Protein backbone atom coordinates (compact mmCIF):
# COMPACT_ATOMS: atom_id res chain seq x y z
CA UNK A 1 30.20 -113.88 -104.05
CA UNK A 2 31.24 -116.42 -101.37
CA UNK A 3 34.68 -115.12 -100.66
CA UNK A 4 33.36 -111.37 -99.80
CA UNK A 5 30.75 -113.07 -97.41
CA UNK A 6 33.52 -115.08 -95.99
CA UNK A 7 35.65 -111.95 -95.66
CA UNK A 8 32.91 -109.88 -94.46
CA UNK A 9 31.85 -112.55 -91.56
CA UNK A 10 35.72 -112.65 -90.84
CA UNK A 11 36.00 -109.29 -90.49
CA UNK A 12 32.65 -109.20 -88.23
CA UNK A 13 34.38 -111.82 -86.00
CA UNK A 14 37.48 -109.97 -85.65
CA UNK A 15 35.58 -106.57 -84.96
CA UNK A 16 33.37 -108.65 -82.19
CA UNK A 17 36.62 -110.30 -80.82
CA UNK A 18 38.07 -106.72 -80.59
CA UNK A 19 35.09 -105.15 -78.92
CA UNK A 20 34.77 -107.93 -76.47
CA UNK A 21 38.52 -107.35 -75.46
CA UNK A 22 38.28 -103.78 -75.01
CA UNK A 23 35.27 -104.30 -73.09
CA UNK A 24 36.95 -106.68 -70.75
CA UNK A 25 40.16 -104.64 -70.56
CA UNK A 26 38.15 -101.35 -69.82
CA UNK A 27 36.28 -103.13 -66.89
CA UNK A 28 39.28 -104.49 -65.37
CA UNK A 29 41.11 -101.22 -65.59
CA UNK A 30 38.17 -99.54 -63.84
CA UNK A 31 37.55 -102.55 -61.35
CA UNK A 32 41.60 -101.87 -60.52
CA UNK A 33 41.04 -98.40 -60.20
CA UNK A 34 38.16 -98.61 -57.72
CA UNK A 35 40.15 -101.38 -55.57
CA UNK A 36 43.00 -99.00 -55.60
CA UNK A 37 45.11 -101.61 -57.25
CA UNK A 38 48.20 -100.95 -59.48
CA UNK A 39 46.52 -97.31 -60.91
CA UNK A 40 47.08 -95.29 -57.88
CA UNK A 41 50.48 -93.61 -56.86
CA UNK A 42 50.72 -93.96 -52.84
CA UNK A 43 50.73 -90.55 -51.02
CA UNK A 44 50.88 -92.07 -47.64
CA UNK A 45 51.96 -94.76 -45.54
CA UNK A 46 51.33 -98.21 -47.02
CA UNK A 47 50.37 -101.42 -44.77
CA UNK A 48 51.03 -105.15 -45.74
CA UNK A 49 50.13 -108.11 -43.48
CA UNK A 50 51.18 -111.69 -43.87
CA UNK A 51 51.48 -114.88 -41.82
CA UNK A 52 53.49 -118.26 -42.01
CA UNK A 53 50.65 -120.41 -42.81
CA UNK A 54 47.12 -120.25 -43.58
CA UNK A 55 45.75 -122.79 -41.39
CA UNK A 56 45.70 -122.95 -37.52
CA UNK A 57 44.47 -125.02 -34.81
CA UNK A 58 42.04 -123.24 -32.36
CA UNK A 59 44.42 -123.12 -29.51
CA UNK A 60 47.38 -122.05 -31.42
CA UNK A 61 48.81 -118.52 -31.48
CA UNK A 62 47.86 -116.85 -34.95
CA UNK A 63 50.92 -114.29 -35.50
CA UNK A 64 50.67 -111.63 -37.90
CA UNK A 65 53.76 -110.05 -39.65
CA UNK A 66 52.60 -106.45 -40.09
CA UNK A 67 54.90 -104.23 -42.35
CA UNK A 68 54.46 -100.43 -42.55
CA UNK A 69 56.18 -98.64 -45.38
CA UNK A 70 56.79 -95.28 -46.76
CA UNK A 71 56.88 -95.52 -50.72
CA UNK A 72 56.93 -91.71 -51.06
CA UNK A 73 59.99 -89.70 -51.99
CA UNK A 74 59.08 -87.50 -48.83
CA UNK A 75 58.77 -88.21 -44.66
CA UNK A 76 55.37 -89.19 -43.39
CA UNK A 77 54.45 -88.72 -39.71
CA UNK A 78 52.00 -91.19 -38.16
CA UNK A 79 50.34 -91.13 -34.69
CA UNK A 80 52.08 -94.15 -32.63
CA UNK A 81 48.61 -95.26 -31.60
CA UNK A 82 47.21 -96.42 -34.64
CA UNK A 83 50.00 -98.70 -34.87
CA UNK A 84 50.91 -101.97 -33.30
CA UNK A 85 54.49 -101.25 -32.68
CA UNK A 86 54.50 -100.18 -29.10
CA UNK A 87 51.36 -102.77 -28.33
CA UNK A 88 47.81 -102.93 -29.64
CA UNK A 89 45.67 -100.71 -27.58
CA UNK A 90 42.31 -100.32 -29.74
CA UNK A 91 40.67 -102.64 -32.61
CA UNK A 92 43.34 -101.92 -35.28
CA UNK A 93 42.23 -104.95 -37.36
CA UNK A 94 38.95 -106.10 -38.88
CA UNK A 95 38.38 -109.49 -38.34
CA UNK A 96 35.80 -111.68 -39.78
CA UNK A 97 34.54 -115.21 -39.44
CA UNK A 98 32.17 -116.54 -42.17
CA UNK A 99 31.60 -112.58 -42.87
CA UNK A 100 30.70 -111.83 -39.23
CA UNK A 101 32.79 -109.59 -37.07
CA UNK A 102 35.16 -111.49 -34.26
CA UNK A 103 34.92 -109.92 -30.89
CA UNK A 104 37.87 -107.72 -29.91
CA UNK A 105 38.94 -108.69 -26.69
CA UNK A 106 41.86 -106.19 -26.25
CA UNK A 107 41.96 -103.01 -24.24
CA UNK A 108 40.35 -99.63 -25.38
CA UNK A 109 42.87 -96.78 -24.35
CA UNK A 110 41.11 -93.25 -24.34
CA UNK A 111 43.72 -90.50 -24.59
CA UNK A 112 43.70 -86.57 -24.91
CA UNK A 113 44.60 -84.96 -28.03
CA UNK A 114 47.70 -86.12 -29.64
CA UNK A 115 51.16 -84.14 -29.17
CA UNK A 116 54.41 -84.05 -31.32
CA UNK A 117 55.71 -86.73 -29.19
CA UNK A 118 52.92 -88.88 -30.09
CA UNK A 119 53.83 -89.24 -33.88
CA UNK A 120 56.68 -91.32 -35.39
CA UNK A 121 58.14 -90.20 -38.50
CA UNK A 122 58.75 -92.53 -41.38
CA UNK A 123 61.48 -91.02 -44.02
CA UNK A 124 61.05 -91.86 -47.45
CA UNK A 125 61.71 -95.37 -48.33
CA UNK A 126 61.83 -96.51 -44.60
CA UNK A 127 59.98 -99.35 -43.33
CA UNK A 128 58.87 -100.71 -39.92
CA UNK A 129 57.74 -104.54 -39.21
CA UNK A 130 56.42 -106.09 -35.90
CA UNK A 131 54.80 -109.29 -35.18
CA UNK A 132 51.23 -109.43 -33.67
CA UNK A 133 49.63 -112.24 -31.96
CA UNK A 134 45.97 -111.66 -33.23
CA UNK A 135 44.73 -114.57 -30.42
CA UNK A 136 45.46 -112.02 -27.75
CA UNK A 137 43.09 -109.49 -29.11
CA UNK A 138 40.55 -111.28 -30.71
CA UNK A 139 37.90 -113.83 -30.13
CA UNK A 140 39.17 -116.57 -32.42
CA UNK A 141 37.88 -119.60 -30.61
CA UNK A 142 35.24 -120.68 -33.01
CA UNK A 143 36.45 -122.81 -36.20
CA UNK A 144 35.92 -121.02 -39.58
CA UNK A 145 37.11 -119.16 -42.30
CA UNK A 146 38.83 -115.71 -41.49
CA UNK A 147 39.73 -112.71 -43.21
CA UNK A 148 42.07 -110.08 -41.48
CA UNK A 149 42.78 -106.90 -42.43
CA UNK A 150 44.58 -104.11 -40.72
CA UNK A 151 42.35 -101.17 -40.97
CA UNK A 152 42.54 -97.66 -38.92
CA UNK A 153 40.71 -94.60 -39.35
CA UNK A 154 41.20 -91.19 -37.78
CA UNK A 155 41.58 -87.55 -38.79
CA UNK A 156 44.72 -87.47 -36.42
CA UNK A 157 46.41 -90.40 -38.41
CA UNK A 158 48.98 -88.48 -40.06
CA UNK A 159 50.34 -85.27 -38.70
CA UNK A 160 48.63 -81.88 -39.43
CA UNK A 161 50.80 -80.99 -42.36
CA UNK A 162 50.54 -84.48 -43.83
CA UNK A 163 46.69 -84.54 -43.52
CA UNK A 164 46.57 -80.99 -45.57
CA UNK A 165 48.47 -82.62 -48.09
CA UNK A 166 47.03 -86.35 -48.20
CA UNK A 167 43.34 -85.47 -47.30
CA UNK A 168 43.52 -89.47 -46.02
CA UNK A 169 42.36 -90.39 -42.71
CA UNK A 170 42.57 -94.11 -43.30
CA UNK A 171 45.28 -96.73 -43.22
CA UNK A 172 44.23 -100.27 -44.66
CA UNK A 173 46.37 -103.41 -45.38
CA UNK A 174 45.84 -106.39 -47.94
CA UNK A 175 43.25 -108.98 -46.69
CA UNK A 176 44.60 -112.18 -45.19
CA UNK A 177 42.43 -115.30 -45.41
CA UNK A 178 43.26 -118.08 -42.85
CA UNK A 179 41.14 -121.12 -41.59
CA UNK A 180 41.35 -122.18 -37.89
CA UNK A 181 39.99 -125.54 -36.96
């Protein structure tokens, strides 16, 4: 009798542990899909941000390393205006200090409709890297925790052919966390 009850309790515990593991696994899988992490194959360009350190003095230049790559097996055309490769001419980054937007100080350029010359082509596997001094474009004079992300949205971001294929008008990077004192 005791042996049967112990077996039943042991089996019940195993089933409970299995249910919990499955539940956490499914939740993590759904969370990863919702965040676009790991499960989604990129169909367009991918942007990553990095910096050499995470803590800066208020008067110090904050240099970001921005990498735009094409991980696909086909060429992708991007509107140059929405990259910092030829300079920053609009708020290309989301910069939050303690969850409040930092003021963009850079120039705002108004343009006519883009032409073919305004697009750049990234061939399959190609990547471009540039450095951006974030301090030149955003008010970072207040001490605090900052989160920085490259984030552009435009229905003209990709060339017409790419827009039809990608149905994507946004290009975002990872989020950097930095502290300014």
